[in-house]
Amino acid sequence: MLNINKKLENTTLTVELSGRLDTTTAPRLEGELKDALPGVGALVLDLEKLEYISSAGLRVLLSAQKIMNKQGEMKLIHVNDTVREIFDVTGFSDILTIE
């Protein structure tokens, strides 16, 4: 299960994810981001409560990164050790901005 909590302030969209971002939940996040990203200058993904991310979830982050490269910036905050390890192993820590 994945909970998605979005908050838009001016052109900054903050998305809090909690639960599991995997093959069953990734399409929902992808759809929500696709609808929310037009006009957004900064995308902040708060991953503090994200327990797990699969390759499908990584793909959604990558496509969001590609969109944000054209219209602003994207960063990940509060990345916990479990998720950070997945980013490190897959090389995503080099691609994504993690604070």
PDB file of N, CA and C in Angstrom:
ATOM      1  N   MET A   1       0.835  -1.192   0.000  1.00  0.00           N
ATOM      2  CA  MET A   1       0.000   0.000   0.000  1.00  0.00           C
ATOM      3  C   MET A   1       0.873   1.248   0.000  1.00  0.00           C
ATOM      4  N   LEU A   2       0.425   2.270  -0.730  1.00  0.00           N
ATOM      5  CA  LEU A   2       1.165   3.521  -0.824  1.00  0.00           C
ATOM      6  C   LEU A   2       0.229   4.685  -0.535  1.00  0.00           C
ATOM      7  N   ASN A   3       0.660   5.564   0.365  1.00  0.00           N
ATOM      8  CA  ASN A   3      -0.073   6.803   0.616  1.00  0.00           C
ATOM      9  C   ASN A   3       0.684   7.949  -0.040  1.00  0.00           C
ATOM     10  N   ILE A   4      -0.065   8.784  -0.762  1.00  0.00           N
ATOM     11  CA  ILE A   4       0.510   9.925  -1.465  1.00  0.00           C
ATOM     12  C   ILE A   4      -0.147  11.179  -0.917  1.00  0.00           C
ATOM     13  N   ASN A   5       0.661  12.087  -0.374  1.00  0.00           N
ATOM     14  CA  ASN A   5       0.139  13.323   0.196  1.00  0.00           C
ATOM     15  C   ASN A   5       0.811  14.487  -0.532  1.00  0.00           C
ATOM     16  N   LYS A   6       0.013  15.242  -1.310  1.00  0.00           N
ATOM     17  CA  LYS A   6       0.575  16.334  -2.117  1.00  0.00           C
ATOM     18  C   LYS A   6       0.223  17.686  -1.511  1.00  0.00           C
ATOM     19  N   LYS A   7       1.192  18.613  -1.576  1.00  0.00           N
ATOM     20  CA  LYS A   7       0.958  19.973  -1.098  1.00  0.00           C
ATOM     21  C   LYS A   7       1.631  20.934  -2.081  1.00  0.00           C
ATOM     22  N   LEU A   8       0.845  21.839  -2.661  1.00  0.00           N
ATOM     23  CA  LEU A   8       1.372  22.800  -3.629  1.00  0.00           C
ATOM     24  C   LEU A   8       1.447  24.179  -2.985  1.00  0.00           C
ATOM     25  N   GLU A   9       2.642  24.760  -2.995  1.00  0.00           N
ATOM     26  CA  GLU A   9       2.834  26.128  -2.505  1.00  0.00           C
ATOM     27  C   GLU A   9       3.516  26.916  -3.600  1.00  0.00           C
ATOM     28  N   ASN A  10       2.809  27.907  -4.152  1.00  0.00           N
ATOM     29  CA  ASN A  10       3.291  28.650  -5.315  1.00  0.00           C
ATOM     30  C   ASN A  10       3.594  27.656  -6.432  1.00  0.00           C
ATOM     31  N   THR A  11       4.872  27.510  -6.830  1.00  0.00           N
ATOM     32  CA  THR A  11       5.189  26.542  -7.888  1.00  0.00           C
ATOM     33  C   THR A  11       5.986  25.366  -7.341  1.00  0.00           C
ATOM     34  N   THR A  12       5.982  25.195  -6.020  1.00  0.00           N
ATOM     35  CA  THR A  12       6.689  24.063  -5.407  1.00  0.00           C
ATOM     36  C   THR A  12       5.680  23.008  -4.969  1.00  0.00           C
ATOM     37  N   LEU A  13       5.841  21.818  -5.523  1.00  0.00           N
ATOM     38  CA  LEU A  13       4.983  20.693  -5.160  1.00  0.00           C
ATOM     39  C   LEU A  13       5.772  19.755  -4.256  1.00  0.00           C
ATOM     40  N   THR A  14       5.250  19.545  -3.042  1.00  0.00           N
ATOM     41  CA  THR A  14       5.859  18.588  -2.119  1.00  0.00           C
ATOM     42  C   THR A  14       4.973  17.346  -2.074  1.00  0.00           C
ATOM     43  N   VAL A  15       5.594  16.197  -2.295  1.00  0.00           N
ATOM     44  CA  VAL A  15       4.861  14.936  -2.301  1.00  0.00           C
ATOM     45  C   VAL A  15       5.456  14.037  -1.228  1.00  0.00           C
ATOM     46  N   GLU A  16       4.644  13.714  -0.224  1.00  0.00           N
ATOM     47  CA  GLU A  16       5.072  12.781   0.827  1.00  0.00           C
ATOM     48  C   GLU A  16       4.596  11.390   0.450  1.00  0.00           C
ATOM     49  N   LEU A  17       5.525  10.444   0.458  1.00  0.00           N
ATOM     50  CA  LEU A  17       5.176   9.061   0.156  1.00  0.00           C
ATOM     51  C   LEU A  17       5.368   8.217   1.403  1.00  0.00           C
ATOM     52  N   SER A  18       4.379   7.377   1.717  1.00  0.00           N
ATOM     53  CA  SER A  18       4.555   6.436   2.819  1.00  0.00           C
ATOM     54  C   SER A  18       4.020   5.083   2.385  1.00  0.00           C
ATOM     55  N   GLY A  19       4.711   4.039   2.826  1.00  0.00           N
ATOM     56  CA  GLY A  19       4.333   2.689   2.448  1.00  0.00           C
ATOM     57  C   GLY A  19       5.313   2.109   1.442  1.00  0.00           C
ATOM     58  N   ARG A  20       4.766   1.401   0.453  1.00  0.00           N
ATOM     59  CA  ARG A  20       5.596   0.693  -0.527  1.00  0.00           C
ATOM     60  C   ARG A  20       5.342   1.224  -1.935  1.00  0.00           C
ATOM     61  N   LEU A  21       6.419   1.587  -2.615  1.00  0.00           N
ATOM     62  CA  LEU A  21       6.324   2.022  -4.004  1.00  0.00           C
ATOM     63  C   LEU A  21       6.827   0.863  -4.863  1.00  0.00           C
ATOM     64  N   ASP A  22       5.871   0.082  -5.391  1.00  0.00           N
ATOM     65  CA  ASP A  22       6.247  -1.120  -6.140  1.00  0.00           C
ATOM     66  C   ASP A  22       5.389  -1.239  -7.402  1.00  0.00           C
ATOM     67  N   THR A  23       5.396  -2.413  -8.035  1.00  0.00           N
ATOM     68  CA  THR A  23       4.703  -2.560  -9.319  1.00  0.00           C
ATOM     69  C   THR A  23       3.202  -2.294  -9.208  1.00  0.00           C
ATOM     70  N   THR A  24       2.605  -2.546  -8.056  1.00  0.00           N
ATOM     71  CA  THR A  24       1.163  -2.308  -7.933  1.00  0.00           C
ATOM     72  C   THR A  24       0.843  -0.846  -7.644  1.00  0.00           C
ATOM     73  N   THR A  25       1.743  -0.125  -6.967  1.00  0.00           N
ATOM     74  CA  THR A  25       1.436   1.256  -6.579  1.00  0.00           C
ATOM     75  C   THR A  25       2.098   2.303  -7.480  1.00  0.00           C
ATOM     76  N   ALA A  26       3.135   1.913  -8.209  1.00  0.00           N
ATOM     77  CA  ALA A  26       3.857   2.877  -9.057  1.00  0.00           C
ATOM     78  C   ALA A  26       2.962   3.548 -10.109  1.00  0.00           C
ATOM     79  N   PRO A  27       2.057   2.820 -10.788  1.00  0.00           N
ATOM     80  CA  PRO A  27       1.206   3.487 -11.786  1.00  0.00           C
ATOM     81  C   PRO A  27       0.342   4.599 -11.189  1.00  0.00           C
ATOM     82  N   ARG A  28      -0.096   4.419  -9.935  1.00  0.00           N
ATOM     83  CA  ARG A  28      -0.910   5.454  -9.294  1.00  0.00           C
ATOM     84  C   ARG A  28      -0.093   6.724  -9.067  1.00  0.00           C
ATOM     85  N   LEU A  29       1.144   6.549  -8.577  1.00  0.00           N
ATOM     86  CA  LEU A  29       2.002   7.711  -8.364  1.00  0.00           C
ATOM     87  C   LEU A  29       2.308   8.389  -9.699  1.00  0.00           C
ATOM     88  N   GLU A  30       2.581   7.581 -10.714  1.00  0.00           N
ATOM     89  CA  GLU A  30       2.886   8.132 -12.035  1.00  0.00           C
ATOM     90  C   GLU A  30       1.726   8.983 -12.547  1.00  0.00           C
ATOM     91  N   GLY A  31       0.498   8.477 -12.378  1.00  0.00           N
ATOM     92  CA  GLY A  31      -0.686   9.220 -12.811  1.00  0.00           C
ATOM     93  C   GLY A  31      -0.864  10.513 -12.045  1.00  0.00           C
ATOM     94  N   GLU A  32      -0.673  10.432 -10.731  1.00  0.00           N
ATOM     95  CA  GLU A  32      -0.839  11.639  -9.901  1.00  0.00           C
ATOM     96  C   GLU A  32       0.203  12.699 -10.239  1.00  0.00           C
ATOM     97  N   LEU A  33       1.447  12.257 -10.484  1.00  0.00           N
ATOM     98  CA  LEU A  33       2.497  13.215 -10.842  1.00  0.00           C
ATOM     99  C   LEU A  33       2.227  13.828 -12.217  1.00  0.00           C
ATOM    100  N   LYS A  34       1.797  12.996 -13.153  1.00  0.00           N
ATOM    101  CA  LYS A  34       1.526  13.488 -14.511  1.00  0.00           C
ATOM    102  C   LYS A  34       0.484  14.599 -14.473  1.00  0.00           C
ATOM    103  N   ASP A  35      -0.549  14.428 -13.627  1.00  0.00           N
ATOM    104  CA  ASP A  35      -1.603  15.435 -13.512  1.00  0.00           C
ATOM    105  C   ASP A  35      -1.128  16.682 -12.770  1.00  0.00           C
ATOM    106  N   ALA A  36      -0.203  16.494 -11.821  1.00  0.00           N
ATOM    107  CA  ALA A  36       0.166  17.599 -10.926  1.00  0.00           C
ATOM    108  C   ALA A  36       1.362  18.421 -11.416  1.00  0.00           C
ATOM    109  N   LEU A  37       2.200  17.859 -12.298  1.00  0.00           N
ATOM    110  CA  LEU A  37       3.462  18.525 -12.625  1.00  0.00           C
ATOM    111  C   LEU A  37       3.384  19.730 -13.570  1.00  0.00           C
ATOM    112  N   PRO A  38       2.398  19.827 -14.454  1.00  0.00           N
ATOM    113  CA  PRO A  38       2.379  21.016 -15.317  1.00  0.00           C
ATOM    114  C   PRO A  38       2.379  22.310 -14.493  1.00  0.00           C
ATOM    115  N   GLY A  39       3.300  23.211 -14.796  1.00  0.00           N
ATOM    116  CA  GLY A  39       3.389  24.481 -14.086  1.00  0.00           C
ATOM    117  C   GLY A  39       4.208  24.432 -12.809  1.00  0.00           C
ATOM    118  N   VAL A  40       4.688  23.253 -12.426  1.00  0.00           N
ATOM    119  CA  VAL A  40       5.480  23.131 -11.195  1.00  0.00           C
ATOM    120  C   VAL A  40       6.948  23.439 -11.501  1.00  0.00           C
ATOM    121  N   GLY A  41       7.550  24.310 -10.684  1.00  0.00           N
ATOM    122  CA  GLY A  41       8.944  24.669 -10.879  1.00  0.00           C
ATOM    123  C   GLY A  41       9.896  23.852 -10.019  1.00  0.00           C
ATOM    124  N   ALA A  42       9.373  23.336  -8.914  1.00  0.00           N
ATOM    125  CA  ALA A  42      10.197  22.521  -8.014  1.00  0.00           C
ATOM    126  C   ALA A  42       9.357  21.376  -7.473  1.00  0.00           C
ATOM    127  N   LEU A  43       9.897  20.173  -7.600  1.00  0.00           N
ATOM    128  CA  LEU A  43       9.240  18.986  -7.068  1.00  0.00           C
ATOM    129  C   LEU A  43      10.095  18.459  -5.922  1.00  0.00           C
ATOM    130  N   VAL A  44       9.483  18.346  -4.739  1.00  0.00           N
ATOM    131  CA  VAL A  44      10.170  17.834  -3.558  1.00  0.00           C
ATOM    132  C   VAL A  44       9.481  16.539  -3.148  1.00  0.00           C
ATOM    133  N   LEU A  45      10.228  15.447  -3.150  1.00  0.00           N
ATOM    134  CA  LEU A  45       9.675  14.164  -2.732  1.00  0.00           C
ATOM    135  C   LEU A  45      10.197  13.837  -1.336  1.00  0.00           C
ATOM    136  N   ASP A  46       9.282  13.742  -0.388  1.00  0.00           N
ATOM    137  CA  ASP A  46       9.638  13.425   0.989  1.00  0.00           C
ATOM    138  C   ASP A  46       9.469  11.917   1.181  1.00  0.00           C
ATOM    139  N   LEU A  47      10.598  11.221   1.350  1.00  0.00           N
ATOM    140  CA  LEU A  47      10.574   9.760   1.403  1.00  0.00           C
ATOM    141  C   LEU A  47      10.803   9.212   2.807  1.00  0.00           C
ATOM    142  N   GLU A  48      10.588  10.039   3.814  1.00  0.00           N
ATOM    143  CA  GLU A  48      10.854   9.622   5.193  1.00  0.00           C
ATOM    144  C   GLU A  48      10.094   8.350   5.569  1.00  0.00           C
ATOM    145  N   LYS A  49       8.848   8.233   5.111  1.00  0.00           N
ATOM    146  CA  LYS A  49       8.012   7.094   5.517  1.00  0.00           C
ATOM    147  C   LYS A  49       7.898   6.034   4.429  1.00  0.00           C
ATOM    148  N   LEU A  50       8.715   6.150   3.388  1.00  0.00           N
ATOM    149  CA  LEU A  50       8.690   5.138   2.327  1.00  0.00           C
ATOM    150  C   LEU A  50       9.473   3.918   2.805  1.00  0.00           C
ATOM    151  N   GLU A  51       8.799   2.770   2.847  1.00  0.00           N
ATOM    152  CA  GLU A  51       9.424   1.558   3.392  1.00  0.00           C
ATOM    153  C   GLU A  51      10.210   0.784   2.332  1.00  0.00           C
ATOM    154  N   TYR A  52       9.778   0.911   1.065  1.00  0.00           N
ATOM    155  CA  TYR A  52      10.360   0.073   0.024  1.00  0.00           C
ATOM    156  C   TYR A  52      10.137   0.727  -1.330  1.00  0.00           C
ATOM    157  N   ILE A  53      11.102   0.581  -2.227  1.00  0.00           N
ATOM    158  CA  ILE A  53      10.914   1.047  -3.599  1.00  0.00           C
ATOM    159  C   ILE A  53      11.445  -0.027  -4.537  1.00  0.00           C
ATOM    160  N   SER A  54      10.645  -0.389  -5.542  1.00  0.00           N
ATOM    161  CA  SER A  54      11.046  -1.414  -6.512  1.00  0.00           C
ATOM    162  C   SER A  54      11.533  -0.735  -7.792  1.00  0.00           C
ATOM    163  N   SER A  55      11.922  -1.531  -8.777  1.00  0.00           N
ATOM    164  CA  SER A  55      12.381  -0.971 -10.052  1.00  0.00           C
ATOM    165  C   SER A  55      11.267  -0.168 -10.725  1.00  0.00           C
ATOM    166  N   ALA A  56      10.017  -0.580 -10.536  1.00  0.00           N
ATOM    167  CA  ALA A  56       8.892   0.179 -11.102  1.00  0.00           C
ATOM    168  C   ALA A  56       8.818   1.563 -10.457  1.00  0.00           C
ATOM    169  N   GLY A  57       9.054   1.616  -9.152  1.00  0.00           N
ATOM    170  CA  GLY A  57       9.067   2.899  -8.447  1.00  0.00           C
ATOM    171  C   GLY A  57      10.221   3.772  -8.892  1.00  0.00           C
ATOM    172  N   LEU A  58      11.382   3.157  -9.095  1.00  0.00           N
ATOM    173  CA  LEU A  58      12.550   3.899  -9.576  1.00  0.00           C
ATOM    174  C   LEU A  58      12.264   4.504 -10.946  1.00  0.00           C
ATOM    175  N   ARG A  59      11.556   3.752 -11.786  1.00  0.00           N
ATOM    176  CA  ARG A  59      11.238   4.226 -13.135  1.00  0.00           C
ATOM    177  C   ARG A  59      10.349   5.471 -13.055  1.00  0.00           C
ATOM    178  N   VAL A  60       9.386   5.475 -12.135  1.00  0.00           N
ATOM    179  CA  VAL A  60       8.511   6.641 -11.965  1.00  0.00           C
ATOM    180  C   VAL A  60       9.329   7.866 -11.531  1.00  0.00           C
ATOM    181  N   LEU A  61      10.282   7.657 -10.598  1.00  0.00           N
ATOM    182  CA  LEU A  61      11.135   8.767 -10.158  1.00  0.00           C
ATOM    183  C   LEU A  61      11.967   9.294 -11.317  1.00  0.00           C
ATOM    184  N   LEU A  62      12.473   8.378 -12.135  1.00  0.00           N
ATOM    185  CA  LEU A  62      13.301   8.771 -13.271  1.00  0.00           C
ATOM    186  C   LEU A  62      12.490   9.576 -14.284  1.00  0.00           C
ATOM    187  N   SER A  63      11.259   9.152 -14.563  1.00  0.00           N
ATOM    188  CA  SER A  63      10.458   9.901 -15.534  1.00  0.00           C
ATOM    189  C   SER A  63      10.072  11.267 -14.969  1.00  0.00           C
ATOM    190  N   ALA A  64       9.823  11.343 -13.652  1.00  0.00           N
ATOM    191  CA  ALA A  64       9.547  12.644 -13.024  1.00  0.00           C
ATOM    192  C   ALA A  64      10.776  13.543 -13.121  1.00  0.00           C
ATOM    193  N   GLN A  65      11.958  12.960 -12.931  1.00  0.00           N
ATOM    194  CA  GLN A  65      13.213  13.713 -13.029  1.00  0.00           C
ATOM    195  C   GLN A  65      13.381  14.291 -14.434  1.00  0.00           C
ATOM    196  N   LYS A  66      13.054  13.494 -15.453  1.00  0.00           N
ATOM    197  CA  LYS A  66      13.180  13.968 -16.847  1.00  0.00           C
ATOM    198  C   LYS A  66      12.254  15.147 -17.103  1.00  0.00           C
ATOM    199  N   ILE A  67      11.021  15.067 -16.599  1.00  0.00           N
ATOM    200  CA  ILE A  67      10.070  16.170 -16.760  1.00  0.00           C
ATOM    201  C   ILE A  67      10.595  17.411 -16.050  1.00  0.00           C
ATOM    202  N   MET A  68      11.062  17.234 -14.798  1.00  0.00           N
ATOM    203  CA  MET A  68      11.506  18.380 -14.007  1.00  0.00           C
ATOM    204  C   MET A  68      12.804  18.985 -14.543  1.00  0.00           C
ATOM    205  N   ASN A  69      13.631  18.198 -15.237  1.00  0.00           N
ATOM    206  CA  ASN A  69      14.840  18.748 -15.858  1.00  0.00           C
ATOM    207  C   ASN A  69      14.476  19.826 -16.865  1.00  0.00           C
ATOM    208  N   LYS A  70      13.315  19.699 -17.497  1.00  0.00           N
ATOM    209  CA  LYS A  70      12.881  20.657 -18.512  1.00  0.00           C
ATOM    210  C   LYS A  70      12.230  21.895 -17.900  1.00  0.00           C
ATOM    211  N   GLN A  71      11.607  21.744 -16.719  1.00  0.00           N
ATOM    212  CA  GLN A  71      10.806  22.858 -16.211  1.00  0.00           C
ATOM    213  C   GLN A  71      11.211  23.339 -14.820  1.00  0.00           C
ATOM    214  N   GLY A  72      12.278  22.776 -14.270  1.00  0.00           N
ATOM    215  CA  GLY A  72      12.681  23.217 -12.935  1.00  0.00           C
ATOM    216  C   GLY A  72      13.622  22.231 -12.294  1.00  0.00           C
ATOM    217  N   GLU A  73      13.345  21.885 -11.033  1.00  0.00           N
ATOM    218  CA  GLU A  73      14.241  20.988 -10.306  1.00  0.00           C
ATOM    219  C   GLU A  73      13.437  19.986  -9.502  1.00  0.00           C
ATOM    220  N   MET A  74      14.097  18.888  -9.182  1.00  0.00           N
ATOM    221  CA  MET A  74      13.486  17.868  -8.350  1.00  0.00           C
ATOM    222  C   MET A  74      14.499  17.449  -7.308  1.00  0.00           C
ATOM    223  N   LYS A  75      14.037  17.298  -6.072  1.00  0.00           N
ATOM    224  CA  LYS A  75      14.940  16.778  -5.043  1.00  0.00           C
ATOM    225  C   LYS A  75      14.188  15.842  -4.118  1.00  0.00           C
ATOM    226  N   LEU A  76      14.945  14.946  -3.507  1.00  0.00           N
ATOM    227  CA  LEU A  76      14.396  13.997  -2.556  1.00  0.00           C
ATOM    228  C   LEU A  76      14.904  14.374  -1.179  1.00  0.00           C
ATOM    229  N   ILE A  77      13.993  14.396  -0.207  1.00  0.00           N
ATOM    230  CA  ILE A  77      14.394  14.746   1.156  1.00  0.00           C
ATOM    231  C   ILE A  77      13.996  13.630   2.114  1.00  0.00           C
ATOM    232  N   HIS A  78      14.648  13.620   3.272  1.00  0.00           N
ATOM    233  CA  HIS A  78      14.368  12.659   4.345  1.00  0.00           C
ATOM    234  C   HIS A  78      14.423  11.211   3.860  1.00  0.00           C
ATOM    235  N   VAL A  79      15.382  10.910   2.989  1.00  0.00           N
ATOM    236  CA  VAL A  79      15.498   9.543   2.477  1.00  0.00           C
ATOM    237  C   VAL A  79      16.048   8.645   3.589  1.00  0.00           C
ATOM    238  N   ASN A  80      15.291   7.614   3.951  1.00  0.00           N
ATOM    239  CA  ASN A  80      15.720   6.732   5.031  1.00  0.00           C
ATOM    240  C   ASN A  80      16.800   5.767   4.531  1.00  0.00           C
ATOM    241  N   ASP A  81      17.435   5.075   5.459  1.00  0.00           N
ATOM    242  CA  ASP A  81      18.571   4.212   5.115  1.00  0.00           C
ATOM    243  C   ASP A  81      18.198   3.083   4.161  1.00  0.00           C
ATOM    244  N   THR A  82      17.025   2.493   4.344  1.00  0.00           N
ATOM    245  CA  THR A  82      16.597   1.379   3.492  1.00  0.00           C
ATOM    246  C   THR A  82      16.491   1.816   2.033  1.00  0.00           C
ATOM    247  N   VAL A  83      15.815   2.945   1.817  1.00  0.00           N
ATOM    248  CA  VAL A  83      15.612   3.444   0.457  1.00  0.00           C
ATOM    249  C   VAL A  83      16.932   3.972  -0.104  1.00  0.00           C
ATOM    250  N   ARG A  84      17.738   4.635   0.735  1.00  0.00           N
ATOM    251  CA  ARG A  84      19.025   5.152   0.268  1.00  0.00           C
ATOM    252  C   ARG A  84      19.923   4.016  -0.216  1.00  0.00           C
ATOM    253  N   GLU A  85      19.880   2.895   0.470  1.00  0.00           N
ATOM    254  CA  GLU A  85      20.695   1.755   0.059  1.00  0.00           C
ATOM    255  C   GLU A  85      20.288   1.273  -1.332  1.00  0.00           C
ATOM    256  N   ILE A  86      18.982   1.254  -1.608  1.00  0.00           N
ATOM    257  CA  ILE A  86      18.499   0.865  -2.941  1.00  0.00           C
ATOM    258  C   ILE A  86      18.999   1.870  -3.979  1.00  0.00           C
ATOM    259  N   PHE A  87      18.939   3.170  -3.655  1.00  0.00           N
ATOM    260  CA  PHE A  87      19.453   4.192  -4.572  1.00  0.00           C
ATOM    261  C   PHE A  87      20.945   3.994  -4.830  1.00  0.00           C
ATOM    262  N   ASP A  88      21.698   3.677  -3.767  1.00  0.00           N
ATOM    263  CA  ASP A  88      23.148   3.487  -3.903  1.00  0.00           C
ATOM    264  C   ASP A  88      23.468   2.281  -4.783  1.00  0.00           C
ATOM    265  N   VAL A  89      22.793   1.159  -4.521  1.00  0.00           N
ATOM    266  CA  VAL A  89      23.050  -0.080  -5.258  1.00  0.00           C
ATOM    267  C   VAL A  89      22.711   0.078  -6.742  1.00  0.00           C
ATOM    268  N   THR A  90      21.622   0.810  -7.041  1.00  0.00           N
ATOM    269  CA  THR A  90      21.168   0.949  -8.427  1.00  0.00           C
ATOM    270  C   THR A  90      21.852   2.097  -9.158  1.00  0.00           C
ATOM    271  N   GLY A  91      22.626   2.926  -8.426  1.00  0.00           N
ATOM    272  CA  GLY A  91      23.273   4.070  -9.056  1.00  0.00           C
ATOM    273  C   GLY A  91      22.367   5.289  -9.143  1.00  0.00           C
ATOM    274  N   PHE A  92      21.168   5.196  -8.589  1.00  0.00           N
ATOM    275  CA  PHE A  92      20.240   6.320  -8.640  1.00  0.00           C
ATOM    276  C   PHE A  92      20.702   7.488  -7.777  1.00  0.00           C
ATOM    277  N   SER A  93      21.574   7.222  -6.787  1.00  0.00           N
ATOM    278  CA  SER A  93      22.079   8.339  -5.966  1.00  0.00           C
ATOM    279  C   SER A  93      22.886   9.308  -6.812  1.00  0.00           C
ATOM    280  N   ASP A  94      23.442   8.814  -7.932  1.00  0.00           N
ATOM    281  CA  ASP A  94      24.216   9.696  -8.822  1.00  0.00           C
ATOM    282  C   ASP A  94      23.310  10.511  -9.744  1.00  0.00           C
ATOM    283  N   ILE A  95      22.110  10.000  -9.997  1.00  0.00           N
ATOM    284  CA  ILE A  95      21.197  10.643 -10.950  1.00  0.00           C
ATOM    285  C   ILE A  95      20.288  11.643 -10.241  1.00  0.00           C
ATOM    286  N   LEU A  96      19.830  11.286  -9.036  1.00  0.00           N
ATOM    287  CA  LEU A  96      18.840  12.089  -8.314  1.00  0.00           C
ATOM    288  C   LEU A  96      19.514  13.018  -7.311  1.00  0.00           C
ATOM    289  N   THR A  97      18.862  14.137  -7.045  1.00  0.00           N
ATOM    290  CA  THR A  97      19.347  15.064  -6.021  1.00  0.00           C
ATOM    291  C   THR A  97      18.746  14.645  -4.685  1.00  0.00           C
ATOM    292  N   ILE A  98      19.618  14.202  -3.762  1.00  0.00           N
ATOM    293  CA  ILE A  98      19.144  13.720  -2.469  1.00  0.00           C
ATOM    294  C   ILE A  98      19.718  14.627  -1.371  1.00  0.00           C
ATOM    295  N   GLU A  99      18.823  15.166  -0.557  1.00  0.00           N
ATOM    296  CA  GLU A  99      19.280  16.059   0.526  1.00  0.00           C
ATOM    297  C   GLU A  99      18.997  15.449   1.869  1.00  0.00           C
TER     298      GLU A  99
END
